Amino acid sequence: MQFIIITGVSGAGKGLASSNFEDFGFFVADNIPPALLPMFAELCMRGNIGRVAIVTDVRGGLFFNDLNTALKVLQVAGVKYQILFLDADDELLMQRFRETRRRHPLSDEHPNLPDAIEAERAALQSLRGRADKIINTSHVTPRELREEIKATFLDNPDSSRMQIRVESFGFKHGLPTDADLMFDVRFLPNPNYDREIGHLDGNCAPVIDYVMDNPITREFLDKLSDLIYFCVPHYEAEGKSYLTIAIGCTGGRHRSVVLTNWLANGLLERGFIAAASHRDLDRSASEAKNFVGPKKEDAK
């Protein structure tokens, strides 16, 4: 039985995620007290229900404190569960609550919305650390969320192996909150300041050549590959299901894209299950429309 526990901060999209699981043929139950999870799992196994997704979060009040105990009972009973944790940036969470005019589940104890969000994060901290998959929905469209869920929980032909996602991002658009490893490559020469190629992105050959032909890049990648290829097998041996490696530059359009593709391809060549994604590439592309970069001498 595939047993998915959907949790995360209020306003991050758990309802949308559960609807997607339902569309994919899962039996979905919302806001079940954690103490009932082992009993519910047993009922599903008796009924030969092969796919189950349960939403549980701080709406359970004091019952939510029973979650750690329930997870231990599930483990002892041989139920192999996976935890999907949905997150979002604080500013976006506050915007969503204001737009929907919904009350935060902790508003009785914390009438001030930022305080309620902070208290909820503290309550979920240990659970977030145990999550198999973390998705920050701040920069994810509903369609992208659906595809991420599908790729993670349905389209994976080798679900027993660790899945690696190498993600590029731009620091000016905020840090990715779901990264296990993060690398800052803003010290590398920036193609944005080259008038000939500044309007292109890191998937284009001229930008790839610009970044990869630099001796600083080559030396960095030698050191990075030593670290990554040492760590990844140990993460997998420890039973980690998903690993996210984030590589960031200023805008998430040039350097980080090139190196993300390079690292993902290298992991694939070594037999790991890996894929590249580019969080801010579309956003940066709209900013770069009709871009005329400064001359190199102007950037000095």
C-alpha atoms as a PDB file:
ATOM      1  CA  MET A   1       0.000   0.000   0.000  1.00  0.00           C
ATOM      2  CA  GLN A   2       1.189   3.479  -0.892  1.00  0.00           C
ATOM      3  CA  PHE A   3       0.464   5.624   2.172  1.00  0.00           C
ATOM      4  CA  ILE A   4       1.080   9.361   1.735  1.00  0.00           C
ATOM      5  CA  ILE A   5       0.825  11.829   4.631  1.00  0.00           C
ATOM      6  CA  ILE A   6       0.187  15.361   3.364  1.00  0.00           C
ATOM      7  CA  THR A   7       1.068  18.098   5.814  1.00  0.00           C
ATOM      8  CA  GLY A   8       2.636  21.541   5.976  1.00  0.00           C
ATOM      9  CA  VAL A   9       1.840  25.143   6.811  1.00  0.00           C
ATOM     10  CA  SER A  10      -1.671  26.510   6.458  1.00  0.00           C
ATOM     11  CA  GLY A  11      -2.193  28.260   3.153  1.00  0.00           C
ATOM     12  CA  ALA A  12       0.556  26.364   1.320  1.00  0.00           C
ATOM     13  CA  GLY A  13      -1.843  24.359  -0.856  1.00  0.00           C
ATOM     14  CA  LYS A  14      -2.610  21.126   0.988  1.00  0.00           C
ATOM     15  CA  GLY A  15      -6.179  21.192  -0.298  1.00  0.00           C
ATOM     16  CA  LEU A  16      -4.999  21.496  -3.889  1.00  0.00           C
ATOM     17  CA  ALA A  17      -2.453  18.731  -3.358  1.00  0.00           C
ATOM     18  CA  SER A  18      -5.079  16.382  -1.897  1.00  0.00           C
ATOM     19  CA  SER A  19      -7.357  17.087  -4.884  1.00  0.00           C
ATOM     20  CA  ASN A  20      -4.525  16.093  -7.203  1.00  0.00           C
ATOM     21  CA  PHE A  21      -3.982  12.843  -5.318  1.00  0.00           C
ATOM     22  CA  GLU A  22      -7.711  12.147  -5.579  1.00  0.00           C
ATOM     23  CA  ASP A  23      -7.564  12.745  -9.340  1.00  0.00           C
ATOM     24  CA  PHE A  24      -4.685  10.267  -9.526  1.00  0.00           C
ATOM     25  CA  GLY A  25      -6.806   7.528  -7.955  1.00  0.00           C
ATOM     26  CA  PHE A  26      -5.812   7.828  -4.302  1.00  0.00           C
ATOM     27  CA  PHE A  27      -8.297   7.392  -1.486  1.00  0.00           C
ATOM     28  CA  VAL A  28      -8.038  10.776   0.248  1.00  0.00           C
ATOM     29  CA  ALA A  29      -9.051  11.716   3.789  1.00  0.00           C
ATOM     30  CA  ASP A  30      -8.677  15.189   5.268  1.00  0.00           C
ATOM     31  CA  ASN A  31      -7.935  16.332   8.833  1.00  0.00           C
ATOM     32  CA  ILE A  32      -7.768  12.901  10.455  1.00  0.00           C
ATOM     33  CA  PRO A  33      -6.493  12.981  14.074  1.00  0.00           C
ATOM     34  CA  PRO A  34      -2.968  11.531  13.999  1.00  0.00           C
ATOM     35  CA  ALA A  35      -3.743   8.977  16.696  1.00  0.00           C
ATOM     36  CA  LEU A  36      -6.189   7.320  14.271  1.00  0.00           C
ATOM     37  CA  LEU A  37      -3.645   6.925  11.457  1.00  0.00           C
ATOM     38  CA  PRO A  38      -2.563   3.366  12.378  1.00  0.00           C
ATOM     39  CA  MET A  39      -6.190   2.213  12.638  1.00  0.00           C
ATOM     40  CA  PHE A  40      -7.022   3.921   9.351  1.00  0.00           C
ATOM     41  CA  ALA A  41      -4.036   2.288   7.645  1.00  0.00           C
ATOM     42  CA  GLU A  42      -5.150  -1.126   8.924  1.00  0.00           C
ATOM     43  CA  LEU A  43      -8.661  -0.575   7.562  1.00  0.00           C
ATOM     44  CA  CYS A  44      -7.256   0.404   4.167  1.00  0.00           C
ATOM     45  CA  MET A  45      -5.081  -2.723   4.031  1.00  0.00           C
ATOM     46  CA  ARG A  46      -8.064  -4.905   4.934  1.00  0.00           C
ATOM     47  CA  GLY A  47     -10.030  -3.251   2.164  1.00  0.00           C
ATOM     48  CA  ASN A  48      -7.190  -3.754  -0.346  1.00  0.00           C
ATOM     49  CA  ILE A  49      -6.935  -0.026  -0.967  1.00  0.00           C
ATOM     50  CA  GLY A  50      -3.624   0.366  -2.733  1.00  0.00           C
ATOM     51  CA  ARG A  51      -3.217   4.151  -2.662  1.00  0.00           C
ATOM     52  CA  VAL A  52      -4.036   6.345   0.318  1.00  0.00           C
ATOM     53  CA  ALA A  53      -3.338  10.041   0.981  1.00  0.00           C
ATOM     54  CA  ILE A  54      -4.066  11.567   4.396  1.00  0.00           C
ATOM     55  CA  VAL A  55      -4.043  15.276   5.233  1.00  0.00           C
ATOM     56  CA  THR A  56      -3.084  16.054   8.822  1.00  0.00           C
ATOM     57  CA  ASP A  57      -1.893  19.346  10.280  1.00  0.00           C
ATOM     58  CA  VAL A  58      -2.269  21.774  13.173  1.00  0.00           C
ATOM     59  CA  ARG A  59      -6.027  21.939  12.631  1.00  0.00           C
ATOM     60  CA  GLY A  60      -6.078  18.841  14.821  1.00  0.00           C
ATOM     61  CA  GLY A  61      -5.253  20.997  17.836  1.00  0.00           C
ATOM     62  CA  LEU A  62      -3.949  19.002  20.774  1.00  0.00           C
ATOM     63  CA  PHE A  63      -4.468  15.785  18.790  1.00  0.00           C
ATOM     64  CA  PHE A  64      -1.690  16.861  16.442  1.00  0.00           C
ATOM     65  CA  ASN A  65       0.825  16.223  19.232  1.00  0.00           C
ATOM     66  CA  ASP A  66       0.129  12.494  18.826  1.00  0.00           C
ATOM     67  CA  LEU A  67       1.628  12.429  15.326  1.00  0.00           C
ATOM     68  CA  ASN A  68       5.135  11.291  16.271  1.00  0.00           C
ATOM     69  CA  THR A  69       3.701   8.393  18.272  1.00  0.00           C
ATOM     70  CA  ALA A  70       1.385   7.472  15.396  1.00  0.00           C
ATOM     71  CA  LEU A  71       4.277   7.428  12.943  1.00  0.00           C
ATOM     72  CA  LYS A  72       6.209   5.051  15.204  1.00  0.00           C
ATOM     73  CA  VAL A  73       3.189   2.743  15.384  1.00  0.00           C
ATOM     74  CA  LEU A  74       2.895   2.787  11.595  1.00  0.00           C
ATOM     75  CA  GLN A  75       6.558   1.907  11.262  1.00  0.00           C
ATOM     76  CA  VAL A  76       6.281  -0.993  13.723  1.00  0.00           C
ATOM     77  CA  ALA A  77       3.210  -2.244  11.859  1.00  0.00           C
ATOM     78  CA  GLY A  78       5.209  -2.341   8.627  1.00  0.00           C
ATOM     79  CA  VAL A  79       3.344   0.488   6.918  1.00  0.00           C
ATOM     80  CA  LYS A  80       5.814   2.259   4.661  1.00  0.00           C
ATOM     81  CA  TYR A  81       4.602   5.836   4.639  1.00  0.00           C
ATOM     82  CA  GLN A  82       5.882   8.928   2.839  1.00  0.00           C
ATOM     83  CA  ILE A  83       5.503  12.502   4.068  1.00  0.00           C
ATOM     84  CA  LEU A  84       4.777  15.324   1.630  1.00  0.00           C
ATOM     85  CA  PHE A  85       5.383  18.688   3.295  1.00  0.00           C
ATOM     86  CA  LEU A  86       4.015  21.821   1.621  1.00  0.00           C
ATOM     87  CA  ASP A  87       5.566  25.165   2.475  1.00  0.00           C
ATOM     88  CA  ALA A  88       5.380  28.765   1.284  1.00  0.00           C
ATOM     89  CA  ASP A  89       7.041  32.100   2.047  1.00  0.00           C
ATOM     90  CA  ASP A  90       5.568  34.096   4.931  1.00  0.00           C
ATOM     91  CA  GLU A  91       4.647  37.100   2.790  1.00  0.00           C
ATOM     92  CA  LEU A  92       2.726  34.922   0.351  1.00  0.00           C
ATOM     93  CA  LEU A  93       0.967  33.086   3.173  1.00  0.00           C
ATOM     94  CA  MET A  94      -0.239  36.376   4.646  1.00  0.00           C
ATOM     95  CA  GLN A  95      -1.392  37.517   1.210  1.00  0.00           C
ATOM     96  CA  ARG A  96      -3.366  34.301   0.692  1.00  0.00           C
ATOM     97  CA  PHE A  97      -5.082  34.591   4.079  1.00  0.00           C
ATOM     98  CA  ARG A  98      -6.018  38.204   3.397  1.00  0.00           C
ATOM     99  CA  GLU A  99      -7.399  37.372  -0.053  1.00  0.00           C
ATOM    100  CA  THR A 100      -9.464  34.393   1.102  1.00  0.00           C
ATOM    101  CA  ARG A 101     -10.403  35.968   4.464  1.00  0.00           C
ATOM    102  CA  ARG A 102      -9.887  32.598   6.093  1.00  0.00           C
ATOM    103  CA  ARG A 103      -8.917  32.317   9.743  1.00  0.00           C
ATOM    104  CA  HIS A 104      -5.581  30.804  10.597  1.00  0.00           C
ATOM    105  CA  PRO A 105      -5.986  27.580  12.631  1.00  0.00           C
ATOM    106  CA  LEU A 106      -3.923  29.094  15.459  1.00  0.00           C
ATOM    107  CA  SER A 107      -5.640  32.493  15.434  1.00  0.00           C
ATOM    108  CA  ASP A 108      -7.345  31.877  18.783  1.00  0.00           C
ATOM    109  CA  GLU A 109      -3.990  31.592  20.546  1.00  0.00           C
ATOM    110  CA  HIS A 110      -2.224  34.047  18.222  1.00  0.00           C
ATOM    111  CA  PRO A 111      -4.606  36.755  16.894  1.00  0.00           C
ATOM    112  CA  ASN A 112      -1.752  38.426  15.026  1.00  0.00           C
ATOM    113  CA  LEU A 113      -1.317  36.590  11.700  1.00  0.00           C
ATOM    114  CA  PRO A 114       2.517  36.725  11.547  1.00  0.00           C
ATOM    115  CA  ASP A 115       2.658  35.324  15.088  1.00  0.00           C
ATOM    116  CA  ALA A 116       0.271  32.510  14.143  1.00  0.00           C
ATOM    117  CA  ILE A 117       2.397  31.595  11.113  1.00  0.00           C
ATOM    118  CA  GLU A 118       5.548  31.606  13.244  1.00  0.00           C
ATOM    119  CA  ALA A 119       3.927  29.421  15.901  1.00  0.00           C
ATOM    120  CA  GLU A 120       2.757  26.957  13.255  1.00  0.00           C
ATOM    121  CA  ARG A 121       6.251  26.711  11.768  1.00  0.00           C
ATOM    122  CA  ALA A 122       7.636  25.932  15.232  1.00  0.00           C
ATOM    123  CA  ALA A 123       5.032  23.202  15.749  1.00  0.00           C
ATOM    124  CA  LEU A 124       5.839  21.640  12.361  1.00  0.00           C
ATOM    125  CA  GLN A 125       9.627  21.927  12.542  1.00  0.00           C
ATOM    126  CA  SER A 126      10.354  18.334  13.552  1.00  0.00           C
ATOM    127  CA  LEU A 127       7.842  16.961  11.040  1.00  0.00           C
ATOM    128  CA  ARG A 128       9.391  19.038   8.260  1.00  0.00           C
ATOM    129  CA  GLY A 129      12.736  17.482   9.071  1.00  0.00           C
ATOM    130  CA  ARG A 130      11.254  14.012   8.578  1.00  0.00           C
ATOM    131  CA  ALA A 131       9.564  14.829   5.274  1.00  0.00           C
ATOM    132  CA  ASP A 132      10.407  12.728   2.227  1.00  0.00           C
ATOM    133  CA  LYS A 133       9.412  15.526  -0.137  1.00  0.00           C
ATOM    134  CA  ILE A 134       9.182  19.277   0.498  1.00  0.00           C
ATOM    135  CA  ILE A 135       7.531  21.564  -2.035  1.00  0.00           C
ATOM    136  CA  ASN A 136       7.546  25.325  -1.635  1.00  0.00           C
ATOM    137  CA  THR A 137       4.475  26.546  -3.510  1.00  0.00           C
ATOM    138  CA  SER A 138       5.502  30.221  -3.513  1.00  0.00           C
ATOM    139  CA  HIS A 139       6.889  29.973  -7.041  1.00  0.00           C
ATOM    140  CA  VAL A 140       4.850  26.977  -8.244  1.00  0.00           C
ATOM    141  CA  THR A 141       1.712  27.159 -10.384  1.00  0.00           C
ATOM    142  CA  PRO A 142      -1.163  24.703  -9.737  1.00  0.00           C
ATOM    143  CA  ARG A 143      -0.196  22.838 -12.880  1.00  0.00           C
ATOM    144  CA  GLU A 144       3.448  22.612 -11.788  1.00  0.00           C
ATOM    145  CA  LEU A 145       2.373  21.333  -8.367  1.00  0.00           C
ATOM    146  CA  ARG A 146       0.290  18.650 -10.043  1.00  0.00           C
ATOM    147  CA  GLU A 147       3.199  17.609 -12.268  1.00  0.00           C
ATOM    148  CA  GLU A 148       5.600  17.559  -9.306  1.00  0.00           C
ATOM    149  CA  ILE A 149       3.260  15.277  -7.365  1.00  0.00           C
ATOM    150  CA  LYS A 150       2.770  13.068 -10.399  1.00  0.00           C
ATOM    151  CA  ALA A 151       6.485  12.787 -11.100  1.00  0.00           C
ATOM    152  CA  THR A 152       7.310  12.059  -7.457  1.00  0.00           C
ATOM    153  CA  PHE A 153       4.588   9.634  -6.481  1.00  0.00           C
ATOM    154  CA  LEU A 154       3.247   8.147  -9.725  1.00  0.00           C
ATOM    155  CA  ASP A 155       5.678   8.266 -12.631  1.00  0.00           C
ATOM    156  CA  ASN A 156       8.656   6.924 -10.715  1.00  0.00           C
ATOM    157  CA  PRO A 157       9.562   3.466 -12.069  1.00  0.00           C
ATOM    158  CA  ASP A 158      12.222   2.939  -9.405  1.00  0.00           C
ATOM    159  CA  SER A 159      10.618   4.358  -6.268  1.00  0.00           C
ATOM    160  CA  SER A 160      12.944   2.443  -3.962  1.00  0.00           C
ATOM    161  CA  ARG A 161      15.902   4.578  -5.038  1.00  0.00           C
ATOM    162  CA  MET A 162      16.702   8.093  -3.936  1.00  0.00           C
ATOM    163  CA  GLN A 163      15.421  10.777  -6.299  1.00  0.00           C
ATOM    164  CA  ILE A 164      17.741  13.757  -6.842  1.00  0.00           C
ATOM    165  CA  ARG A 165      16.527  17.141  -8.043  1.00  0.00           C
ATOM    166  CA  VAL A 166      19.149  19.708  -9.035  1.00  0.00           C
ATOM    167  CA  GLU A 167      17.505  23.132  -9.084  1.00  0.00           C
ATOM    168  CA  SER A 168      18.788  26.480 -10.319  1.00  0.00           C
ATOM    169  CA  PHE A 169      17.497  29.668  -8.723  1.00  0.00           C
ATOM    170  CA  GLY A 170      18.155  33.395  -8.482  1.00  0.00           C
ATOM    171  CA  PHE A 171      19.094  34.913  -5.143  1.00  0.00           C
ATOM    172  CA  LYS A 172      17.179  38.084  -5.979  1.00  0.00           C
ATOM    173  CA  HIS A 173      13.992  35.999  -6.094  1.00  0.00           C
ATOM    174  CA  GLY A 174      14.552  34.444  -2.673  1.00  0.00           C
ATOM    175  CA  LEU A 175      16.145  31.295  -1.300  1.00  0.00           C
ATOM    176  CA  PRO A 176      14.613  27.861  -1.985  1.00  0.00           C
ATOM    177  CA  THR A 177      13.342  26.526   1.324  1.00  0.00           C
ATOM    178  CA  ASP A 178      13.309  22.864   0.293  1.00  0.00           C
ATOM    179  CA  ALA A 179      17.016  22.509  -0.549  1.00  0.00           C
ATOM    180  CA  ASP A 180      19.162  19.944   1.251  1.00  0.00           C
ATOM    181  CA  LEU A 181      22.391  21.309  -0.245  1.00  0.00           C
ATOM    182  CA  MET A 182      22.827  24.843  -1.569  1.00  0.00           C
ATOM    183  CA  PHE A 183      25.692  26.408  -3.526  1.00  0.00           C
ATOM    184  CA  ASP A 184      26.253  30.063  -4.377  1.00  0.00           C
ATOM    185  CA  VAL A 185      27.966  30.549  -7.772  1.00  0.00           C
ATOM    186  CA  ARG A 186      27.746  34.337  -7.932  1.00  0.00           C
ATOM    187  CA  PHE A 187      31.546  34.470  -7.718  1.00  0.00           C
ATOM    188  CA  LEU A 188      31.814  33.140 -11.285  1.00  0.00           C
ATOM    189  CA  PRO A 189      32.066  35.595 -14.233  1.00  0.00           C
ATOM    190  CA  ASN A 190      28.577  36.729 -15.207  1.00  0.00           C
ATOM    191  CA  PRO A 191      27.450  36.376 -18.868  1.00  0.00           C
ATOM    192  CA  ASN A 192      24.817  39.022 -18.172  1.00  0.00           C
ATOM    193  CA  TYR A 193      27.479  41.683 -18.707  1.00  0.00           C
ATOM    194  CA  ASP A 194      28.365  40.454 -22.170  1.00  0.00           C
ATOM    195  CA  ARG A 195      26.427  42.482 -24.767  1.00  0.00           C
ATOM    196  CA  GLU A 196      26.516  39.608 -27.269  1.00  0.00           C
ATOM    197  CA  ILE A 197      24.979  36.904 -25.084  1.00  0.00           C
ATOM    198  CA  GLY A 198      23.397  38.657 -22.079  1.00  0.00           C
ATOM    199  CA  HIS A 199      19.894  38.204 -23.468  1.00  0.00           C
ATOM    200  CA  LEU A 200      20.329  34.416 -23.758  1.00  0.00           C
ATOM    201  CA  ASP A 201      19.952  31.894 -20.938  1.00  0.00           C
ATOM    202  CA  GLY A 202      21.998  29.003 -19.605  1.00  0.00           C
ATOM    203  CA  ASN A 203      20.475  26.490 -22.000  1.00  0.00           C
ATOM    204  CA  CYS A 204      22.047  28.284 -24.984  1.00  0.00           C
ATOM    205  CA  ALA A 205      25.415  27.182 -26.334  1.00  0.00           C
ATOM    206  CA  PRO A 206      27.128  30.627 -26.219  1.00  0.00           C
ATOM    207  CA  VAL A 207      26.282  31.017 -22.516  1.00  0.00           C
ATOM    208  CA  ILE A 208      27.324  27.428 -21.762  1.00  0.00           C
ATOM    209  CA  ASP A 209      30.687  28.022 -23.469  1.00  0.00           C
ATOM    210  CA  TYR A 210      31.144  31.348 -21.655  1.00  0.00           C
ATOM    211  CA  VAL A 211      30.615  29.736 -18.249  1.00  0.00           C
ATOM    212  CA  MET A 212      32.284  26.371 -18.776  1.00  0.00           C
ATOM    213  CA  ASP A 213      35.397  27.653 -20.571  1.00  0.00           C
ATOM    214  CA  ASN A 214      36.386  29.814 -17.619  1.00  0.00           C
ATOM    215  CA  PRO A 215      39.238  28.282 -15.574  1.00  0.00           C
ATOM    216  CA  ILE A 216      37.569  29.375 -12.318  1.00  0.00           C
ATOM    217  CA  THR A 217      34.477  27.380 -13.284  1.00  0.00           C
ATOM    218  CA  ARG A 218      36.490  24.290 -14.135  1.00  0.00           C
ATOM    219  CA  GLU A 219      38.370  24.397 -10.832  1.00  0.00           C
ATOM    220  CA  PHE A 220      35.121  24.910  -8.903  1.00  0.00           C
ATOM    221  CA  LEU A 221      33.415  21.980 -10.660  1.00  0.00           C
ATOM    222  CA  ASP A 222      36.338  19.686  -9.829  1.00  0.00           C
ATOM    223  CA  LYS A 223      35.878  20.488  -6.140  1.00  0.00           C
ATOM    224  CA  LEU A 224      32.066  20.402  -6.319  1.00  0.00           C
ATOM    225  CA  SER A 225      31.966  17.018  -8.044  1.00  0.00           C
ATOM    226  CA  ASP A 226      34.305  15.535  -5.413  1.00  0.00           C
ATOM    227  CA  LEU A 227      31.928  16.681  -2.679  1.00  0.00           C
ATOM    228  CA  ILE A 228      28.677  15.696  -4.415  1.00  0.00           C
ATOM    229  CA  TYR A 229      29.821  12.270  -5.588  1.00  0.00           C
ATOM    230  CA  PHE A 230      31.106  11.557  -2.084  1.00  0.00           C
ATOM    231  CA  CYS A 231      27.932  12.666  -0.269  1.00  0.00           C
ATOM    232  CA  VAL A 232      25.188  11.337  -2.542  1.00  0.00           C
ATOM    233  CA  PRO A 233      25.868   7.588  -2.077  1.00  0.00           C
ATOM    234  CA  HIS A 234      25.896   8.096   1.697  1.00  0.00           C
ATOM    235  CA  TYR A 235      22.570   9.957   1.603  1.00  0.00           C
ATOM    236  CA  GLU A 236      21.136   7.057  -0.387  1.00  0.00           C
ATOM    237  CA  ALA A 237      22.626   4.461   1.963  1.00  0.00           C
ATOM    238  CA  GLU A 238      20.964   6.195   4.924  1.00  0.00           C
ATOM    239  CA  GLY A 239      17.580   5.693   3.270  1.00  0.00           C
ATOM    240  CA  LYS A 240      16.886   9.261   2.149  1.00  0.00           C
ATOM    241  CA  SER A 241      14.120   9.210  -0.461  1.00  0.00           C
ATOM    242  CA  TYR A 242      14.603  12.636  -2.028  1.00  0.00           C
ATOM    243  CA  LEU A 243      17.564  14.969  -2.243  1.00  0.00           C
ATOM    244  CA  THR A 244      17.400  18.535  -3.539  1.00  0.00           C
ATOM    245  CA  ILE A 245      20.600  20.315  -4.576  1.00  0.00           C
ATOM    246  CA  ALA A 246      20.134  24.037  -5.239  1.00  0.00           C
ATOM    247  CA  ILE A 247      22.575  26.146  -7.250  1.00  0.00           C
ATOM    248  CA  GLY A 248      22.029  29.882  -7.225  1.00  0.00           C
ATOM    249  CA  CYS A 249      23.291  32.896  -9.122  1.00  0.00           C
ATOM    250  CA  THR A 250      21.948  36.446  -9.167  1.00  0.00           C
ATOM    251  CA  GLY A 251      18.897  36.054 -11.405  1.00  0.00           C
ATOM    252  CA  GLY A 252      18.709  32.299 -11.977  1.00  0.00           C
ATOM    253  CA  ARG A 253      19.146  32.648 -15.735  1.00  0.00           C
ATOM    254  CA  HIS A 254      22.786  32.067 -16.666  1.00  0.00           C
ATOM    255  CA  ARG A 255      25.428  30.541 -14.398  1.00  0.00           C
ATOM    256  CA  SER A 256      23.152  28.507 -12.143  1.00  0.00           C
ATOM    257  CA  VAL A 257      21.294  27.045 -15.138  1.00  0.00           C
ATOM    258  CA  VAL A 258      24.514  25.919 -16.828  1.00  0.00           C
ATOM    259  CA  LEU A 259      25.910  24.290 -13.703  1.00  0.00           C
ATOM    260  CA  THR A 260      22.581  22.710 -12.741  1.00  0.00           C
ATOM    261  CA  ASN A 261      22.355  20.979 -16.106  1.00  0.00           C
ATOM    262  CA  TRP A 262      25.993  19.917 -15.860  1.00  0.00           C
ATOM    263  CA  LEU A 263      25.573  18.404 -12.402  1.00  0.00           C
ATOM    264  CA  ALA A 264      22.289  16.637 -13.204  1.00  0.00           C
ATOM    265  CA  ASN A 265      23.822  15.075 -16.315  1.00  0.00           C
ATOM    266  CA  GLY A 266      26.869  13.987 -14.328  1.00  0.00           C
ATOM    267  CA  LEU A 267      24.712  12.282 -11.718  1.00  0.00           C
ATOM    268  CA  LEU A 268      22.726  10.497 -14.422  1.00  0.00           C
ATOM    269  CA  GLU A 269      25.923   9.266 -16.067  1.00  0.00           C
ATOM    270  CA  ARG A 270      26.968   7.760 -12.724  1.00  0.00           C
ATOM    271  CA  GLY A 271      23.747   5.814 -12.417  1.00  0.00           C
ATOM    272  CA  PHE A 272      21.800   8.021 -10.008  1.00  0.00           C
ATOM    273  CA  ILE A 273      18.163   9.052 -10.546  1.00  0.00           C
ATOM    274  CA  ALA A 274      18.450  12.787 -11.152  1.00  0.00           C
ATOM    275  CA  ALA A 275      16.655  15.601 -12.938  1.00  0.00           C
ATOM    276  CA  ALA A 276      17.330  19.304 -13.489  1.00  0.00           C
ATOM    277  CA  SER A 277      14.785  22.047 -12.837  1.00  0.00           C
ATOM    278  CA  HIS A 278      15.044  25.816 -13.173  1.00  0.00           C
ATOM    279  CA  ARG A 279      12.887  27.703 -10.687  1.00  0.00           C
ATOM    280  CA  ASP A 280      13.367  31.248 -11.950  1.00  0.00           C
ATOM    281  CA  LEU A 281      14.174  30.752 -15.613  1.00  0.00           C
ATOM    282  CA  ASP A 282      10.723  31.760 -16.896  1.00  0.00           C
ATOM    283  CA  ARG A 283      10.595  34.743 -14.565  1.00  0.00           C
ATOM    284  CA  SER A 284      14.055  35.855 -15.661  1.00  0.00           C
ATOM    285  CA  ALA A 285      13.142  35.390 -19.317  1.00  0.00           C
ATOM    286  CA  SER A 286      10.330  37.934 -19.005  1.00  0.00           C
ATOM    287  CA  GLU A 287      12.720  40.383 -17.375  1.00  0.00           C
ATOM    288  CA  ALA A 288      15.279  39.829 -20.130  1.00  0.00           C
ATOM    289  CA  LYS A 289      12.877  40.595 -22.973  1.00  0.00           C
ATOM    290  CA  ASN A 290      14.397  43.227 -25.243  1.00  0.00           C
ATOM    291  CA  PHE A 291      17.430  43.198 -22.962  1.00  0.00           C
ATOM    292  CA  VAL A 292      20.508  45.099 -24.079  1.00  0.00           C
ATOM    293  CA  GLY A 293      23.305  44.275 -21.673  1.00  0.00           C
ATOM    294  CA  PRO A 294      25.976  46.741 -20.652  1.00  0.00           C
ATOM    295  CA  LYS A 295      29.338  46.534 -22.234  1.00  0.00           C
ATOM    296  CA  LYS A 296      31.960  44.666 -20.281  1.00  0.00           C
ATOM    297  CA  GLU A 297      33.941  47.833 -19.680  1.00  0.00           C
ATOM    298  CA  ASP A 298      30.768  49.541 -18.391  1.00  0.00           C
ATOM    299  CA  ALA A 299      30.319  46.829 -15.758  1.00  0.00           C
ATOM    300  CA  LYS A 300      33.728  47.372 -14.190  1.00  0.00           C
END
